[in-house]
Structures are given as structure tokens and as C-alpha cells.
Amino acid sequence: MTTDSCPNVLFVVVDDCGYADLSSCGQTDYATPALDRLASEGVRFTQAYANAPLCTNTRVAIMTGQYQYRFPLGLAEPLLPEQRSQDGMGLPPRFPTMPKLMQRAGYRTALIGKWHLGYLPRYGPLRSGYDEFFGVMGAFTGYYTHRGDDGELDLYEGETTTDEVGYVTDLLSDRATAYVERSDAGEAPWFLSLHYTAPHWPWSAPSVEAAAREREVDPAEWKEGGSPRIYAEMMGILDTGIGRVMDPCGRAAARRSSYSRATMAANAIPRCGLLSDGSGTCSRADCAFPRSSGGRGTFSRAWSRTR
């Protein structure tokens, strides 16, 4: 296969989205039309299982294609800031990761969103196969304050922190949309990992911005303030953003005369009383990547093609 015929690949991961938190999976309190579209245009796998219920472990498996427990990092449940100096607490830069293999196949690669696979200076997305990175190094960051799980600024442009202003979910969606539109003008195919922190706590949404900003800088308040209404608002912003990214993907597929694959994964744990079994949900393309979750979930597979 030449690079001219290689598909562009969008690989979306969302964080802590429950099994029944999409309207295509039975949610009736709010709608997720963009993600429902991804499911309806493809194939849904409603009895899907993954290898762990926490962020770091499953991301190790996704990135390496191996059981996460073959790596010291895969035993962290999950990786915490105080472990950053411990031996093995990062994805080995020498290891042939998924984005590295895509690079070797002629792809331009980018990670927009959450990494959580080791801290600088020894580890990072640019050391493991990504050409570009904009996002979060740790487990999460404040949606407004951009303060991470160590209380420090955790929003990066490459390997440098940035004070860009905005709601993190929107910032990631905007960056991804711009990346697709810019990359479509190039000759090489692209592989974009769009790994949202949403709807992971802290429970921050525009309707409660002032209170959310206060909670985001107080570790004792990170998990407070949640409600079904706030969760629905966060999911709505996430779904709208993914829809914005999917639109230029369809145009890119038409111009490239090849497949443009959209993959979605989710890692889920109980929160806000909306989830009882730790299962997650996933809409995904026809790539052999595990969903970032433990327990039962649902997959769907979607693509677009022009002849």
C-alpha cells in the first residue's frame, strides 16, 4: 500500500464515559448525536471487554499492543505524580509504539489530549512516536484552571507548558479540527490520537464556571460538585466537539479517495451515582486497539469511503 492509498486515522479516547452514557446505548436524559452517528454509520459490538478499569494500565496496552503488566508502568493503578522519579514509571521511548509504527508507514502523527504514560524529562508523547503534542501529561487537568493532579499547570504545547485560555474540552476539539484541516493539505496520511480528559472529574461546566474554578485548585474538592445535570452538560460539550472534528474528516476522505476511519474508545469507572458496574462504552473503527476500560462495554466501527 502506498501512502497515497493509506487511510487517514482519527483515534478518539474519552475518559470515564459510562456504558449507558451515550444515547445510542440507552441514555435518555440527554443526547449524543455525534457519537450516535459514529455508531449508526458503522458496526456496533455490544459485548466488548477490555483489560483494566484504570487510565494508565489500559493506555499502556493501547500504545504497545501488549499486556500492560509486561511493563512496570502497567502495574501503576494509576500513575501518580509522586511516582514520577521511580524506575520504569513511563513508557520506554525505545519501545515500538502504535504511533511509531504509523510513522514508519509514512504517517504524520499527533496526540491532542491526555498522555498519562510518564513525565518529562524522561518520558513523553514526542519520545514515543508522536510528531506533535498538545494536551495533558498527567491524569487530568482543571477544565478552566488547567491545574493537574500535582497542583501545577498541566497543559502542554510540545514539551512546554502553555497558558492558553479556555475550557479544555473545547481547546482539544478546536486543535483537532485545525489539525485535520491543516493536514489535509499535505501529501502524507495522518494519524491523530484525540484523547479527551472529559468527562473525568473535576465536575466543571460553563453553567457553574465560578464554582468550578474554585474546586479545581483545591484537591479536597476535585470530586465534589457533580450531578447528573453537570455530567450531561460535560457530555454535550464533548459530543459537540467530536462532531466538529468529524466534519472535516469526512471532507478529507472525499478528497483523498480513501478510507477515513473514526475510532472511539472510553475508559470508565463509577462516578456521580450514574454508573454502577465500572463498565464503559466504545465506538471504534476496524483497528485492533483495546478499549480503555475494564468490564463490559460496547464498540462500534465506522468509516467513510469514496471511490
C-alpha atoms as a PDB file:
ATOM      1  CA  MET A   1       0.000   0.000   0.000  1.00  0.00           C
ATOM      2  CA  THR A   2       1.408   3.401  -0.964  1.00  0.00           C
ATOM      3  CA  THR A   3       0.960   6.445   1.250  1.00  0.00           C
ATOM      4  CA  ASP A   4      -1.414   7.834  -1.386  1.00  0.00           C
ATOM      5  CA  SER A   5      -3.820   4.986  -0.669  1.00  0.00           C
ATOM      6  CA  CYS A   6      -3.335   4.877   3.110  1.00  0.00           C
ATOM      7  CA  PRO A   7      -6.346   5.985   5.159  1.00  0.00           C
ATOM      8  CA  ASN A   8      -6.290   8.931   7.469  1.00  0.00           C
ATOM      9  CA  VAL A   9      -6.975   7.703  11.004  1.00  0.00           C
ATOM     10  CA  LEU A  10      -8.730   9.530  13.818  1.00  0.00           C
ATOM     11  CA  PHE A  11      -8.469   7.662  17.130  1.00  0.00           C
ATOM     12  CA  VAL A  12     -10.658   9.196  19.841  1.00  0.00           C
ATOM     13  CA  VAL A  13     -10.447   8.248  23.519  1.00  0.00           C
ATOM     14  CA  VAL A  14     -12.771   9.681  26.155  1.00  0.00           C
ATOM     15  CA  ASP A  15     -12.211   9.336  29.875  1.00  0.00           C
ATOM     16  CA  ASP A  16     -14.725   7.902  32.362  1.00  0.00           C
ATOM     17  CA  CYS A  17     -17.657   7.659  29.989  1.00  0.00           C
ATOM     18  CA  GLY A  18     -20.057   5.019  31.246  1.00  0.00           C
ATOM     19  CA  TYR A  19     -21.560   2.128  29.312  1.00  0.00           C
ATOM     20  CA  ALA A  20     -25.021   3.713  29.107  1.00  0.00           C
ATOM     21  CA  ASP A  21     -23.860   7.319  28.812  1.00  0.00           C
ATOM     22  CA  LEU A  22     -24.496   7.623  25.068  1.00  0.00           C
ATOM     23  CA  SER A  23     -27.995   7.911  23.720  1.00  0.00           C
ATOM     24  CA  SER A  24     -27.184   5.131  21.237  1.00  0.00           C
ATOM     25  CA  CYS A  25     -26.656   2.905  24.299  1.00  0.00           C
ATOM     26  CA  GLY A  26     -29.853   3.848  26.089  1.00  0.00           C
ATOM     27  CA  GLN A  27     -29.219   7.247  27.686  1.00  0.00           C
ATOM     28  CA  THR A  28     -32.437   9.283  27.649  1.00  0.00           C
ATOM     29  CA  ASP A  29     -31.599  12.270  29.873  1.00  0.00           C
ATOM     30  CA  TYR A  30     -29.508  13.941  27.166  1.00  0.00           C
ATOM     31  CA  ALA A  31     -28.482  13.284  23.551  1.00  0.00           C
ATOM     32  CA  THR A  32     -25.103  12.495  21.981  1.00  0.00           C
ATOM     33  CA  PRO A  33     -25.851  12.869  18.248  1.00  0.00           C
ATOM     34  CA  ALA A  34     -22.250  12.963  17.001  1.00  0.00           C
ATOM     35  CA  LEU A  35     -21.251   9.776  18.771  1.00  0.00           C
ATOM     36  CA  ASP A  36     -24.559   8.161  17.845  1.00  0.00           C
ATOM     37  CA  ARG A  37     -23.758   8.968  14.229  1.00  0.00           C
ATOM     38  CA  LEU A  38     -20.387   7.262  14.558  1.00  0.00           C
ATOM     39  CA  ALA A  39     -22.179   4.158  15.812  1.00  0.00           C
ATOM     40  CA  SER A  40     -25.021   4.253  13.276  1.00  0.00           C
ATOM     41  CA  GLU A  41     -22.702   4.614  10.281  1.00  0.00           C
ATOM     42  CA  GLY A  42     -20.648   1.619  11.325  1.00  0.00           C
ATOM     43  CA  VAL A  43     -20.991  -1.631  13.257  1.00  0.00           C
ATOM     44  CA  ARG A  44     -21.744  -1.864  16.968  1.00  0.00           C
ATOM     45  CA  PHE A  45     -20.241  -4.562  19.168  1.00  0.00           C
ATOM     46  CA  THR A  46     -22.348  -4.647  22.296  1.00  0.00           C
ATOM     47  CA  GLN A  47     -20.469  -7.344  24.227  1.00  0.00           C
ATOM     48  CA  ALA A  48     -16.980  -5.880  24.343  1.00  0.00           C
ATOM     49  CA  TYR A  49     -14.445  -6.294  27.126  1.00  0.00           C
ATOM     50  CA  ALA A  50     -11.127  -4.638  27.886  1.00  0.00           C
ATOM     51  CA  ASN A  51      -8.169  -5.346  30.087  1.00  0.00           C
ATOM     52  CA  ALA A  52      -8.290  -2.913  33.018  1.00  0.00           C
ATOM     53  CA  PRO A  53     -10.559  -0.331  34.672  1.00  0.00           C
ATOM     54  CA  LEU A  54      -7.997   2.466  35.048  1.00  0.00           C
ATOM     55  CA  CYS A  55      -6.316   5.027  32.837  1.00  0.00           C
ATOM     56  CA  THR A  56      -2.603   4.240  32.810  1.00  0.00           C
ATOM     57  CA  ASN A  57      -2.885   0.457  32.546  1.00  0.00           C
ATOM     58  CA  THR A  58      -5.111   0.418  29.527  1.00  0.00           C
ATOM     59  CA  ARG A  59      -3.198   3.213  27.794  1.00  0.00           C
ATOM     60  CA  VAL A  60      -0.034   1.131  28.113  1.00  0.00           C
ATOM     61  CA  ALA A  61      -1.822  -1.715  26.337  1.00  0.00           C
ATOM     62  CA  ILE A  62      -3.276   0.571  23.666  1.00  0.00           C
ATOM     63  CA  MET A  63       0.096   2.119  22.891  1.00  0.00           C
ATOM     64  CA  THR A  64       2.160  -1.069  22.917  1.00  0.00           C
ATOM     65  CA  GLY A  65      -0.229  -3.795  21.805  1.00  0.00           C
ATOM     66  CA  GLN A  66       0.943  -5.900  24.762  1.00  0.00           C
ATOM     67  CA  TYR A  67      -0.434  -6.872  28.139  1.00  0.00           C
ATOM     68  CA  GLN A  68       0.170  -3.817  30.278  1.00  0.00           C
ATOM     69  CA  TYR A  69       1.693  -5.890  33.088  1.00  0.00           C
ATOM     70  CA  ARG A  70       4.765  -6.587  30.967  1.00  0.00           C
ATOM     71  CA  PHE A  71       5.818  -3.042  31.828  1.00  0.00           C
ATOM     72  CA  PRO A  72       6.465  -1.649  35.323  1.00  0.00           C
ATOM     73  CA  LEU A  73       4.269   1.302  34.340  1.00  0.00           C
ATOM     74  CA  GLY A  74       1.388  -1.082  33.680  1.00  0.00           C
ATOM     75  CA  LEU A  75       1.357  -2.021  37.363  1.00  0.00           C
ATOM     76  CA  ALA A  76       0.620   1.559  38.408  1.00  0.00           C
ATOM     77  CA  GLU A  77      -3.085   1.841  39.134  1.00  0.00           C
ATOM     78  CA  PRO A  78      -2.952   4.597  38.001  1.00  0.00           C
ATOM     79  CA  LEU A  79       0.320   6.560  37.609  1.00  0.00           C
ATOM     80  CA  LEU A  80       0.572   9.278  40.286  1.00  0.00           C
ATOM     81  CA  PRO A  81       2.763  12.407  40.346  1.00  0.00           C
ATOM     82  CA  GLU A  82       4.766  11.139  43.332  1.00  0.00           C
ATOM     83  CA  GLN A  83       5.851   8.123  41.248  1.00  0.00           C
ATOM     84  CA  ARG A  84       7.450  10.215  38.506  1.00  0.00           C
ATOM     85  CA  SER A  85      11.016   9.611  39.716  1.00  0.00           C
ATOM     86  CA  GLN A  86      10.635   5.854  40.217  1.00  0.00           C
ATOM     87  CA  ASP A  87      12.313   3.485  37.786  1.00  0.00           C
ATOM     88  CA  GLY A  88      10.102   2.282  34.957  1.00  0.00           C
ATOM     89  CA  MET A  89       7.271   4.727  35.609  1.00  0.00           C
ATOM     90  CA  GLY A  90       6.944   5.721  31.978  1.00  0.00           C
ATOM     91  CA  LEU A  91       6.530   4.255  28.528  1.00  0.00           C
ATOM     92  CA  PRO A  92      10.064   3.300  27.331  1.00  0.00           C
ATOM     93  CA  PRO A  93      10.975   5.647  24.459  1.00  0.00           C
ATOM     94  CA  ARG A  94      12.742   2.804  22.662  1.00  0.00           C
ATOM     95  CA  PHE A  95       9.594   0.652  22.504  1.00  0.00           C
ATOM     96  CA  PRO A  96       7.817   0.376  19.105  1.00  0.00           C
ATOM     97  CA  THR A  97       4.532   2.046  19.990  1.00  0.00           C
ATOM     98  CA  MET A  98       1.462   2.387  17.812  1.00  0.00           C
ATOM     99  CA  PRO A  99       2.340   5.942  16.651  1.00  0.00           C
ATOM    100  CA  LYS A 100       5.955   4.880  15.969  1.00  0.00           C
ATOM    101  CA  LEU A 101       4.720   2.119  13.692  1.00  0.00           C
ATOM    102  CA  MET A 102       2.424   4.591  11.968  1.00  0.00           C
ATOM    103  CA  GLN A 103       5.411   6.904  11.428  1.00  0.00           C
ATOM    104  CA  ARG A 104       7.336   4.062   9.828  1.00  0.00           C
ATOM    105  CA  ALA A 105       4.400   3.501   7.486  1.00  0.00           C
ATOM    106  CA  GLY A 106       4.640   7.114   6.291  1.00  0.00           C
ATOM    107  CA  TYR A 107       2.115   8.783   8.570  1.00  0.00           C
ATOM    108  CA  ARG A 108       2.307  12.149  10.264  1.00  0.00           C
ATOM    109  CA  THR A 109       1.288  11.626  13.886  1.00  0.00           C
ATOM    110  CA  ALA A 110      -0.164  13.819  16.604  1.00  0.00           C
ATOM    111  CA  LEU A 111      -1.546  13.427  20.104  1.00  0.00           C
ATOM    112  CA  ILE A 112      -4.076  16.026  21.180  1.00  0.00           C
ATOM    113  CA  GLY A 113      -5.248  15.395  24.719  1.00  0.00           C
ATOM    114  CA  LYS A 114      -4.289  13.112  27.570  1.00  0.00           C
ATOM    115  CA  TRP A 115      -0.975  11.215  27.795  1.00  0.00           C
ATOM    116  CA  HIS A 116      -0.646   9.788  31.366  1.00  0.00           C
ATOM    117  CA  LEU A 117       2.221   7.465  30.397  1.00  0.00           C
ATOM    118  CA  GLY A 118       5.162   9.068  32.158  1.00  0.00           C
ATOM    119  CA  TYR A 119       6.503  12.504  32.959  1.00  0.00           C
ATOM    120  CA  LEU A 120       9.132  14.714  31.439  1.00  0.00           C
ATOM    121  CA  PRO A 121      12.084  14.795  31.066  1.00  0.00           C
ATOM    122  CA  ARG A 122      12.442  11.021  30.578  1.00  0.00           C
ATOM    123  CA  TYR A 123       9.085  10.281  29.018  1.00  0.00           C
ATOM    124  CA  GLY A 124       6.513  11.971  26.827  1.00  0.00           C
ATOM    125  CA  PRO A 125       4.484  11.741  23.607  1.00  0.00           C
ATOM    126  CA  LEU A 126       7.244  13.248  21.438  1.00  0.00           C
ATOM    127  CA  ARG A 127       9.596  10.490  22.664  1.00  0.00           C
ATOM    128  CA  SER A 128       7.175   7.693  21.821  1.00  0.00           C
ATOM    129  CA  GLY A 129       6.177   8.296  18.230  1.00  0.00           C
ATOM    130  CA  TYR A 130       4.159  11.476  18.047  1.00  0.00           C
ATOM    131  CA  ASP A 131       5.351  14.344  15.849  1.00  0.00           C
ATOM    132  CA  GLU A 132       3.115  16.848  17.643  1.00  0.00           C
ATOM    133  CA  PHE A 133       1.553  17.099  21.087  1.00  0.00           C
ATOM    134  CA  PHE A 134      -0.940  19.463  22.668  1.00  0.00           C
ATOM    135  CA  GLY A 135      -2.557  18.384  25.873  1.00  0.00           C
ATOM    136  CA  VAL A 136      -2.250  16.948  29.361  1.00  0.00           C
ATOM    137  CA  MET A 137       0.697  14.945  30.717  1.00  0.00           C
ATOM    138  CA  GLY A 138      -0.978  13.634  33.875  1.00  0.00           C
ATOM    139  CA  ALA A 139      -4.265  12.030  34.844  1.00  0.00           C
ATOM    140  CA  PHE A 140      -6.401  15.146  34.388  1.00  0.00           C
ATOM    141  CA  THR A 141      -6.298  18.906  34.424  1.00  0.00           C
ATOM    142  CA  GLY A 142      -8.736  21.550  35.579  1.00  0.00           C
ATOM    143  CA  TYR A 143     -11.096  22.395  32.757  1.00  0.00           C
ATOM    144  CA  TYR A 144     -10.658  26.119  33.416  1.00  0.00           C
ATOM    145  CA  THR A 145      -7.531  26.476  35.567  1.00  0.00           C
ATOM    146  CA  HIS A 146      -5.515  23.791  33.739  1.00  0.00           C
ATOM    147  CA  ARG A 147      -4.028  22.669  37.055  1.00  0.00           C
ATOM    148  CA  GLY A 148      -3.219  18.982  37.119  1.00  0.00           C
ATOM    149  CA  ASP A 149      -3.104  16.249  39.754  1.00  0.00           C
ATOM    150  CA  ASP A 150       0.081  17.718  41.247  1.00  0.00           C
ATOM    151  CA  GLY A 151      -1.418  21.202  41.524  1.00  0.00           C
ATOM    152  CA  GLU A 152       0.832  22.567  38.777  1.00  0.00           C
ATOM    153  CA  LEU A 153      -0.048  23.817  35.302  1.00  0.00           C
ATOM    154  CA  ASP A 154      -0.694  20.775  33.116  1.00  0.00           C
ATOM    155  CA  LEU A 155      -1.424  21.929  29.591  1.00  0.00           C
ATOM    156  CA  TYR A 156       1.424  21.471  27.145  1.00  0.00           C
ATOM    157  CA  GLU A 157       2.408  22.586  23.675  1.00  0.00           C
ATOM    158  CA  GLY A 158       5.048  20.022  22.812  1.00  0.00           C
ATOM    159  CA  GLU A 159       7.162  19.798  25.963  1.00  0.00           C
ATOM    160  CA  THR A 160       6.490  23.323  27.212  1.00  0.00           C
ATOM    161  CA  THR A 161       3.570  24.394  29.374  1.00  0.00           C
ATOM    162  CA  THR A 162       1.185  26.881  27.813  1.00  0.00           C
ATOM    163  CA  ASP A 163      -1.185  29.365  29.436  1.00  0.00           C
ATOM    164  CA  GLU A 164      -3.735  29.132  26.640  1.00  0.00           C
ATOM    165  CA  VAL A 165      -7.134  30.204  27.948  1.00  0.00           C
ATOM    166  CA  GLY A 166     -10.292  28.156  27.530  1.00  0.00           C
ATOM    167  CA  TYR A 167     -12.360  25.147  28.552  1.00  0.00           C
ATOM    168  CA  VAL A 168     -10.109  22.134  27.991  1.00  0.00           C
ATOM    169  CA  THR A 169     -12.615  20.020  26.063  1.00  0.00           C
ATOM    170  CA  ASP A 170     -13.173  22.882  23.624  1.00  0.00           C
ATOM    171  CA  LEU A 171      -9.436  23.564  23.325  1.00  0.00           C
ATOM    172  CA  LEU A 172      -8.801  19.934  22.368  1.00  0.00           C
ATOM    173  CA  SER A 173     -11.676  19.866  19.862  1.00  0.00           C
ATOM    174  CA  ASP A 174     -10.534  23.120  18.269  1.00  0.00           C
ATOM    175  CA  ARG A 175      -6.945  21.895  17.985  1.00  0.00           C
ATOM    176  CA  ALA A 176      -8.035  18.604  16.471  1.00  0.00           C
ATOM    177  CA  THR A 177     -10.291  20.307  13.932  1.00  0.00           C
ATOM    178  CA  ALA A 178      -7.467  22.634  12.915  1.00  0.00           C
ATOM    179  CA  TYR A 179      -5.048  19.700  12.675  1.00  0.00           C
ATOM    180  CA  VAL A 180      -7.327  17.778  10.316  1.00  0.00           C
ATOM    181  CA  GLU A 181      -7.928  20.823   8.121  1.00  0.00           C
ATOM    182  CA  ARG A 182      -4.218  21.686   8.013  1.00  0.00           C
ATOM    183  CA  SER A 183      -3.044  18.113   7.479  1.00  0.00           C
ATOM    184  CA  ASP A 184      -5.476  17.537   4.653  1.00  0.00           C
ATOM    185  CA  ALA A 185      -3.410  19.928   2.550  1.00  0.00           C
ATOM    186  CA  GLY A 186      -0.315  17.727   2.898  1.00  0.00           C
ATOM    187  CA  GLU A 187       0.755  14.710   0.899  1.00  0.00           C
ATOM    188  CA  ALA A 188       1.263  12.220   3.723  1.00  0.00           C
ATOM    189  CA  PRO A 189      -1.626  10.497   5.508  1.00  0.00           C
ATOM    190  CA  TRP A 190      -2.212  11.456   9.136  1.00  0.00           C
ATOM    191  CA  PHE A 191      -2.823   9.586  12.354  1.00  0.00           C
ATOM    192  CA  LEU A 192      -4.456  11.721  15.035  1.00  0.00           C
ATOM    193  CA  SER A 193      -4.920  10.489  18.603  1.00  0.00           C
ATOM    194  CA  LEU A 194      -7.594  12.708  20.148  1.00  0.00           C
ATOM    195  CA  HIS A 195      -7.630  11.691  23.808  1.00  0.00           C
ATOM    196  CA  TYR A 196     -10.065  13.797  25.807  1.00  0.00           C
ATOM    197  CA  THR A 197      -9.970  14.176  29.579  1.00  0.00           C
ATOM    198  CA  ALA A 198     -13.769  14.531  29.596  1.00  0.00           C
ATOM    199  CA  PRO A 199     -15.972  13.514  31.242  1.00  0.00           C
ATOM    200  CA  HIS A 200     -13.443  12.760  34.021  1.00  0.00           C
ATOM    201  CA  TRP A 201     -13.746  14.904  37.147  1.00  0.00           C
ATOM    202  CA  PRO A 202     -13.410  17.686  38.286  1.00  0.00           C
ATOM    203  CA  TRP A 203     -17.064  18.399  37.606  1.00  0.00           C
ATOM    204  CA  SER A 204     -16.692  21.628  35.674  1.00  0.00           C
ATOM    205  CA  ALA A 205     -19.075  23.094  33.131  1.00  0.00           C
ATOM    206  CA  PRO A 206     -19.925  26.579  31.841  1.00  0.00           C
ATOM    207  CA  SER A 207     -23.096  26.831  33.931  1.00  0.00           C
ATOM    208  CA  VAL A 208     -21.033  26.523  37.146  1.00  0.00           C
ATOM    209  CA  GLU A 209     -17.773  28.101  35.989  1.00  0.00           C
ATOM    210  CA  ALA A 210     -17.135  30.245  39.065  1.00  0.00           C
ATOM    211  CA  ALA A 211     -17.635  27.364  41.499  1.00  0.00           C
ATOM    212  CA  ALA A 212     -15.712  25.003  39.226  1.00  0.00           C
ATOM    213  CA  ARG A 213     -12.671  27.269  39.196  1.00  0.00           C
ATOM    214  CA  GLU A 214     -12.601  27.229  42.999  1.00  0.00           C
ATOM    215  CA  ARG A 215     -12.904  23.430  43.185  1.00  0.00           C
ATOM    216  CA  GLU A 216     -10.192  22.869  40.593  1.00  0.00           C
ATOM    217  CA  VAL A 217      -7.483  24.393  42.783  1.00  0.00           C
ATOM    218  CA  ASP A 218      -8.474  22.529  45.968  1.00  0.00           C
ATOM    219  CA  PRO A 219      -7.582  18.786  45.935  1.00  0.00           C
ATOM    220  CA  ALA A 220     -10.200  18.143  48.615  1.00  0.00           C
ATOM    221  CA  GLU A 221     -12.856  19.463  46.218  1.00  0.00           C
ATOM    222  CA  TRP A 222     -11.792  17.765  42.966  1.00  0.00           C
ATOM    223  CA  LYS A 223     -14.526  15.125  43.171  1.00  0.00           C
ATOM    224  CA  GLU A 224     -17.193  17.403  44.616  1.00  0.00           C
ATOM    225  CA  GLY A 225     -19.963  19.311  42.872  1.00  0.00           C
ATOM    226  CA  GLY A 226     -21.037  16.595  40.473  1.00  0.00           C
ATOM    227  CA  SER A 227     -24.624  15.953  39.459  1.00  0.00           C
ATOM    228  CA  PRO A 228     -26.475  14.329  36.570  1.00  0.00           C
ATOM    229  CA  ARG A 229     -27.111  17.802  35.149  1.00  0.00           C
ATOM    230  CA  ILE A 230     -23.429  18.817  35.228  1.00  0.00           C
ATOM    231  CA  TYR A 231     -22.417  15.468  33.766  1.00  0.00           C
ATOM    232  CA  ALA A 232     -24.918  15.882  30.948  1.00  0.00           C
ATOM    233  CA  GLU A 233     -23.533  19.349  30.209  1.00  0.00           C
ATOM    234  CA  MET A 234     -19.983  17.990  30.061  1.00  0.00           C
ATOM    235  CA  MET A 235     -21.066  15.160  27.774  1.00  0.00           C
ATOM    236  CA  GLY A 236     -22.874  17.611  25.498  1.00  0.00           C
ATOM    237  CA  ILE A 237     -19.712  19.712  25.084  1.00  0.00           C
ATOM    238  CA  LEU A 238     -17.695  16.578  24.407  1.00  0.00           C
ATOM    239  CA  ASP A 239     -20.144  15.259  21.815  1.00  0.00           C
ATOM    240  CA  THR A 240     -20.394  18.609  20.038  1.00  0.00           C
ATOM    241  CA  GLY A 241     -16.616  18.842  19.871  1.00  0.00           C
ATOM    242  CA  ILE A 242     -16.243  15.368  18.410  1.00  0.00           C
ATOM    243  CA  GLY A 243     -18.859  16.278  15.828  1.00  0.00           C
ATOM    244  CA  ARG A 244     -16.805  19.341  14.845  1.00  0.00           C
ATOM    245  CA  VAL A 245     -13.755  17.143  14.307  1.00  0.00           C
ATOM    246  CA  MET A 246     -15.652  14.514  12.342  1.00  0.00           C
ATOM    247  CA  ASP A 247     -16.950  17.021   9.769  1.00  0.00           C
ATOM    248  CA  PRO A 248     -13.551  17.881   8.225  1.00  0.00           C
ATOM    249  CA  CYS A 249     -12.621  14.187   8.461  1.00  0.00           C
ATOM    250  CA  GLY A 250     -15.418  13.424   6.023  1.00  0.00           C
ATOM    251  CA  ARG A 251     -14.189  16.116   3.640  1.00  0.00           C
ATOM    252  CA  ALA A 252     -10.643  14.777   3.936  1.00  0.00           C
ATOM    253  CA  ALA A 253     -11.857  11.294   2.998  1.00  0.00           C
ATOM    254  CA  ALA A 254     -13.610  12.613  -0.092  1.00  0.00           C
ATOM    255  CA  ARG A 255     -10.518  14.445  -1.297  1.00  0.00           C
ATOM    256  CA  ARG A 256      -8.171  11.579  -0.524  1.00  0.00           C
ATOM    257  CA  SER A 257     -10.336   8.923  -2.222  1.00  0.00           C
ATOM    258  CA  SER A 258      -9.674   6.507   0.600  1.00  0.00           C
ATOM    259  CA  TYR A 259     -10.975   5.449   3.960  1.00  0.00           C
ATOM    260  CA  SER A 260     -11.064   7.913   6.811  1.00  0.00           C
ATOM    261  CA  ARG A 261     -11.529   5.865   9.937  1.00  0.00           C
ATOM    262  CA  ALA A 262     -13.003   7.204  13.107  1.00  0.00           C
ATOM    263  CA  THR A 263     -12.268   5.293  16.269  1.00  0.00           C
ATOM    264  CA  MET A 264     -13.735   5.960  19.638  1.00  0.00           C
ATOM    265  CA  ALA A 265     -12.813   4.410  22.947  1.00  0.00           C
ATOM    266  CA  ALA A 266     -13.759   5.079  26.540  1.00  0.00           C
ATOM    267  CA  ASN A 267     -12.421   4.235  29.946  1.00  0.00           C
ATOM    268  CA  ALA A 268     -14.991   4.231  32.648  1.00  0.00           C
ATOM    269  CA  ILE A 269     -15.239   3.952  36.407  1.00  0.00           C
ATOM    270  CA  PRO A 270     -18.210   4.691  38.674  1.00  0.00           C
ATOM    271  CA  ARG A 271     -18.930   8.340  39.420  1.00  0.00           C
ATOM    272  CA  CYS A 272     -21.808  10.576  40.465  1.00  0.00           C
ATOM    273  CA  GLY A 273     -24.058   7.574  41.022  1.00  0.00           C
ATOM    274  CA  LEU A 274     -24.679   7.383  37.286  1.00  0.00           C
ATOM    275  CA  LEU A 275     -22.700   4.167  36.925  1.00  0.00           C
ATOM    276  CA  SER A 276     -22.827   1.017  38.983  1.00  0.00           C
ATOM    277  CA  ASP A 277     -20.561  -1.569  37.423  1.00  0.00           C
ATOM    278  CA  GLY A 278     -17.436   0.214  36.176  1.00  0.00           C
ATOM    279  CA  SER A 279     -18.168  -0.637  32.558  1.00  0.00           C
ATOM    280  CA  GLY A 280     -17.573   1.697  29.633  1.00  0.00           C
ATOM    281  CA  THR A 281     -18.699   2.348  26.112  1.00  0.00           C
ATOM    282  CA  CYS A 282     -16.827   2.475  22.856  1.00  0.00           C
ATOM    283  CA  SER A 283     -17.456   3.311  19.241  1.00  0.00           C
ATOM    284  CA  ARG A 284     -14.458   2.369  17.166  1.00  0.00           C
ATOM    285  CA  ALA A 285     -13.069   1.652  13.728  1.00  0.00           C
ATOM    286  CA  ASP A 286     -11.659  -1.594  12.374  1.00  0.00           C
ATOM    287  CA  CYS A 287      -8.315  -1.336  14.159  1.00  0.00           C
ATOM    288  CA  ALA A 288      -7.219  -3.863  16.771  1.00  0.00           C
ATOM    289  CA  PHE A 289      -6.971  -1.425  19.665  1.00  0.00           C
ATOM    290  CA  PRO A 290      -8.465  -2.357  23.055  1.00  0.00           C
ATOM    291  CA  ARG A 291     -10.967  -0.032  24.647  1.00  0.00           C
ATOM    292  CA  SER A 292      -9.537   1.879  27.597  1.00  0.00           C
ATOM    293  CA  SER A 293     -11.724   0.308  30.226  1.00  0.00           C
ATOM    294  CA  GLY A 294     -12.325  -2.733  32.345  1.00  0.00           C
ATOM    295  CA  GLY A 295     -15.529  -4.724  32.303  1.00  0.00           C
ATOM    296  CA  ARG A 296     -18.304  -4.846  29.768  1.00  0.00           C
ATOM    297  CA  GLY A 297     -18.722  -2.211  27.091  1.00  0.00           C
ATOM    298  CA  THR A 298     -19.955  -1.649  23.584  1.00  0.00           C
ATOM    299  CA  PHE A 299     -17.940  -0.992  20.439  1.00  0.00           C
ATOM    300  CA  SER A 300     -18.934   0.378  17.098  1.00  0.00           C
ATOM    301  CA  ARG A 301     -16.919   0.657  13.944  1.00  0.00           C
ATOM    302  CA  ALA A 302     -17.281   3.438  11.421  1.00  0.00           C
ATOM    303  CA  TRP A 303     -15.562   4.682   8.285  1.00  0.00           C
ATOM    304  CA  SER A 304     -16.190   6.729   5.193  1.00  0.00           C
ATOM    305  CA  ARG A 305     -15.017   5.952   1.689  1.00  0.00           C
ATOM    306  CA  THR A 306     -15.103   7.421  -1.779  1.00  0.00           C
ATOM    307  CA  ARG A 307     -14.181   5.555  -4.919  1.00  0.00           C
END
